[in-house]
Amino acid sequence: MKKLIVILLLSSFYNASLAQDTIGSAKIKDYMGKTVTLCDRVNYGRYLNISKDAPIRLYIGPDYPNHNMTLVFPKNEVQRFSFDPEKKMINKRFCVVGAVTTYRGKPAIYVKNESQLNVEE
């Protein structure tokens, strides 16, 4: 019985991963509300220490303010990461898994867990 439950759980995770589309930032607007795997390059990062809760924002695509999308790292979540996204990801190619939502009127993916990311060295 336990083996059957494990097999069913693994197959549901496998099917969910197949449902995710792998895209670049140029097509992000077409995937609002969907979970995707986005693979692209970080061009610019910004952390404004305006408040203790200010997120780290990494801009993808053309230079700010014409960027295609934003990766948003909530301050309370990023403190648990083993690296500083702003330092490690600038000018690097990466993949991130997450739901496409918005941040300040532009498409965004909120990165709340380091396991959502795969940064190429």
C-alpha atoms as a PDB file:
ATOM      1  CA  MET A   1       0.000   0.000   0.000  1.00  0.00           C
ATOM      2  CA  LYS A   2       2.809   2.409   0.890  1.00  0.00           C
ATOM      3  CA  LYS A   3       4.503   1.687  -2.443  1.00  0.00           C
ATOM      4  CA  LEU A   4       1.304   2.523  -4.297  1.00  0.00           C
ATOM      5  CA  ILE A   5       0.973   5.846  -2.472  1.00  0.00           C
ATOM      6  CA  VAL A   6       4.596   6.732  -3.229  1.00  0.00           C
ATOM      7  CA  ILE A   7       4.144   5.824  -6.906  1.00  0.00           C
ATOM      8  CA  LEU A   8       0.983   7.934  -7.137  1.00  0.00           C
ATOM      9  CA  LEU A   9       2.686  10.915  -5.497  1.00  0.00           C
ATOM     10  CA  LEU A  10       5.726  10.676  -7.755  1.00  0.00           C
ATOM     11  CA  SER A  11       3.594  10.401 -10.876  1.00  0.00           C
ATOM     12  CA  SER A  12       1.569  13.476  -9.865  1.00  0.00           C
ATOM     13  CA  PHE A  13       4.796  15.485  -9.375  1.00  0.00           C
ATOM     14  CA  TYR A  14       6.062  14.208 -12.727  1.00  0.00           C
ATOM     15  CA  ASN A  15       2.827  15.232 -14.468  1.00  0.00           C
ATOM     16  CA  ALA A  16       2.900  18.661 -12.826  1.00  0.00           C
ATOM     17  CA  SER A  17       6.456  19.221 -14.029  1.00  0.00           C
ATOM     18  CA  LEU A  18       5.446  18.279 -17.572  1.00  0.00           C
ATOM     19  CA  ALA A  19       2.692  20.891 -17.454  1.00  0.00           C
ATOM     20  CA  GLN A  20       5.204  23.699 -16.909  1.00  0.00           C
ATOM     21  CA  ASP A  21       6.348  25.554 -19.985  1.00  0.00           C
ATOM     22  CA  THR A  22      10.000  26.601 -20.385  1.00  0.00           C
ATOM     23  CA  ILE A  23      10.131  30.122 -21.770  1.00  0.00           C
ATOM     24  CA  GLY A  24      12.329  33.206 -22.139  1.00  0.00           C
ATOM     25  CA  SER A  25      11.388  36.619 -20.749  1.00  0.00           C
ATOM     26  CA  ALA A  26      10.229  37.975 -24.131  1.00  0.00           C
ATOM     27  CA  LYS A  27       7.133  35.729 -23.965  1.00  0.00           C
ATOM     28  CA  ILE A  28       6.398  36.120 -20.249  1.00  0.00           C
ATOM     29  CA  LYS A  29       3.242  38.216 -20.788  1.00  0.00           C
ATOM     30  CA  ASP A  30       1.582  35.244 -22.498  1.00  0.00           C
ATOM     31  CA  TYR A  31       1.853  33.160 -19.316  1.00  0.00           C
ATOM     32  CA  MET A  32       0.232  35.392 -16.682  1.00  0.00           C
ATOM     33  CA  GLY A  33      -1.184  33.259 -13.867  1.00  0.00           C
ATOM     34  CA  LYS A  34       0.612  30.114 -15.000  1.00  0.00           C
ATOM     35  CA  THR A  35       3.549  28.278 -13.457  1.00  0.00           C
ATOM     36  CA  VAL A  36       6.526  28.283 -15.799  1.00  0.00           C
ATOM     37  CA  THR A  37      10.211  27.549 -15.956  1.00  0.00           C
ATOM     38  CA  LEU A  38      11.848  30.764 -17.124  1.00  0.00           C
ATOM     39  CA  CYS A  39      15.394  30.607 -18.458  1.00  0.00           C
ATOM     40  CA  ASP A  40      17.121  33.893 -19.273  1.00  0.00           C
ATOM     41  CA  ARG A  41      19.836  36.354 -18.199  1.00  0.00           C
ATOM     42  CA  VAL A  42      19.752  38.943 -15.388  1.00  0.00           C
ATOM     43  CA  ASN A  43      20.757  42.356 -16.692  1.00  0.00           C
ATOM     44  CA  TYR A  44      20.295  44.552 -13.651  1.00  0.00           C
ATOM     45  CA  GLY A  45      19.539  44.233  -9.961  1.00  0.00           C
ATOM     46  CA  ARG A  46      18.315  46.682  -7.408  1.00  0.00           C
ATOM     47  CA  TYR A  47      17.966  46.643  -3.676  1.00  0.00           C
ATOM     48  CA  LEU A  48      16.733  49.868  -2.180  1.00  0.00           C
ATOM     49  CA  ASN A  49      17.169  49.917   1.554  1.00  0.00           C
ATOM     50  CA  ILE A  50      14.178  52.212   1.924  1.00  0.00           C
ATOM     51  CA  SER A  51      12.587  49.985   4.516  1.00  0.00           C
ATOM     52  CA  LYS A  52      13.569  46.854   6.340  1.00  0.00           C
ATOM     53  CA  ASP A  53      11.052  44.904   4.247  1.00  0.00           C
ATOM     54  CA  ALA A  54      12.165  46.144   0.790  1.00  0.00           C
ATOM     55  CA  PRO A  55      12.614  43.243  -1.655  1.00  0.00           C
ATOM     56  CA  ILE A  56      15.575  42.602  -3.918  1.00  0.00           C
ATOM     57  CA  ARG A  57      14.514  43.080  -7.545  1.00  0.00           C
ATOM     58  CA  LEU A  58      16.348  41.633 -10.517  1.00  0.00           C
ATOM     59  CA  TYR A  59      15.337  42.881 -13.970  1.00  0.00           C
ATOM     60  CA  ILE A  60      15.258  40.541 -16.955  1.00  0.00           C
ATOM     61  CA  GLY A  61      15.352  41.528 -20.620  1.00  0.00           C
ATOM     62  CA  PRO A  62      16.165  45.024 -21.913  1.00  0.00           C
ATOM     63  CA  ASP A  63      17.570  47.589 -19.497  1.00  0.00           C
ATOM     64  CA  TYR A  64      15.368  49.130 -16.815  1.00  0.00           C
ATOM     65  CA  PRO A  65      12.749  50.625 -17.216  1.00  0.00           C
ATOM     66  CA  ASN A  66      12.087  48.728 -20.451  1.00  0.00           C
ATOM     67  CA  HIS A  67      12.684  45.314 -18.878  1.00  0.00           C
ATOM     68  CA  ASN A  68      10.441  42.356 -19.749  1.00  0.00           C
ATOM     69  CA  MET A  69       9.949  41.194 -16.194  1.00  0.00           C
ATOM     70  CA  THR A  70      11.175  41.277 -12.602  1.00  0.00           C
ATOM     71  CA  LEU A  71      12.334  38.567 -10.229  1.00  0.00           C
ATOM     72  CA  VAL A  72      11.216  39.653  -6.769  1.00  0.00           C
ATOM     73  CA  PHE A  73      12.984  38.283  -3.704  1.00  0.00           C
ATOM     74  CA  PRO A  74      11.002  39.164  -0.551  1.00  0.00           C
ATOM     75  CA  LYS A  75      13.427  40.371   2.116  1.00  0.00           C
ATOM     76  CA  ASN A  76      12.178  37.976   4.797  1.00  0.00           C
ATOM     77  CA  GLU A  77      12.623  35.006   2.424  1.00  0.00           C
ATOM     78  CA  VAL A  78      15.979  35.894   0.834  1.00  0.00           C
ATOM     79  CA  GLN A  79      17.642  36.093   4.250  1.00  0.00           C
ATOM     80  CA  ARG A  80      17.514  32.276   4.278  1.00  0.00           C
ATOM     81  CA  PHE A  81      19.353  31.906   0.932  1.00  0.00           C
ATOM     82  CA  SER A  82      22.946  30.672   0.923  1.00  0.00           C
ATOM     83  CA  PHE A  83      23.888  33.438  -1.539  1.00  0.00           C
ATOM     84  CA  ASP A  84      23.039  37.047  -2.357  1.00  0.00           C
ATOM     85  CA  PRO A  85      20.946  36.939  -5.565  1.00  0.00           C
ATOM     86  CA  GLU A  86      21.969  40.456  -6.525  1.00  0.00           C
ATOM     87  CA  LYS A  87      25.651  39.516  -6.467  1.00  0.00           C
ATOM     88  CA  LYS A  88      25.479  35.977  -7.829  1.00  0.00           C
ATOM     89  CA  MET A  89      22.916  36.426 -10.605  1.00  0.00           C
ATOM     90  CA  ILE A  90      23.865  39.693 -12.346  1.00  0.00           C
ATOM     91  CA  ASN A  91      25.043  38.985 -15.916  1.00  0.00           C
ATOM     92  CA  LYS A  92      24.407  35.257 -15.450  1.00  0.00           C
ATOM     93  CA  ARG A  93      22.019  32.911 -17.168  1.00  0.00           C
ATOM     94  CA  PHE A  94      19.555  31.190 -14.847  1.00  0.00           C
ATOM     95  CA  CYS A  95      16.337  29.207 -14.723  1.00  0.00           C
ATOM     96  CA  VAL A  96      13.600  29.851 -12.192  1.00  0.00           C
ATOM     97  CA  VAL A  97      10.351  27.986 -11.556  1.00  0.00           C
ATOM     98  CA  GLY A  98       7.387  29.987 -10.374  1.00  0.00           C
ATOM     99  CA  ALA A  99       3.967  31.466 -11.013  1.00  0.00           C
ATOM    100  CA  VAL A 100       3.862  34.507 -13.285  1.00  0.00           C
ATOM    101  CA  THR A 101       2.236  37.433 -11.500  1.00  0.00           C
ATOM    102  CA  THR A 102       2.908  41.194 -11.499  1.00  0.00           C
ATOM    103  CA  TYR A 103       5.129  43.654  -9.665  1.00  0.00           C
ATOM    104  CA  ARG A 104       4.549  47.364 -10.252  1.00  0.00           C
ATOM    105  CA  GLY A 105       2.669  46.729 -13.472  1.00  0.00           C
ATOM    106  CA  LYS A 106       5.196  44.357 -15.074  1.00  0.00           C
ATOM    107  CA  PRO A 107       5.251  40.545 -15.180  1.00  0.00           C
ATOM    108  CA  ALA A 108       7.105  39.058 -12.227  1.00  0.00           C
ATOM    109  CA  ILE A 109       8.003  35.831 -10.492  1.00  0.00           C
ATOM    110  CA  TYR A 110       8.356  35.909  -6.722  1.00  0.00           C
ATOM    111  CA  VAL A 111      11.318  33.811  -5.615  1.00  0.00           C
ATOM    112  CA  LYS A 112      10.700  32.660  -2.078  1.00  0.00           C
ATOM    113  CA  ASN A 113      12.930  29.609  -1.976  1.00  0.00           C
ATOM    114  CA  GLU A 114      16.442  28.971  -3.229  1.00  0.00           C
ATOM    115  CA  SER A 115      15.256  25.665  -4.706  1.00  0.00           C
ATOM    116  CA  GLN A 116      13.271  27.618  -7.323  1.00  0.00           C
ATOM    117  CA  LEU A 117      16.566  28.725  -8.921  1.00  0.00           C
ATOM    118  CA  ASN A 118      19.290  27.199 -11.027  1.00  0.00           C
ATOM    119  CA  VAL A 119      22.033  29.760 -11.687  1.00  0.00           C
ATOM    120  CA  GLU A 120      24.692  28.934 -14.261  1.00  0.00           C
ATOM    121  CA  GLU A 121      28.228  29.776 -13.174  1.00  0.00           C
END
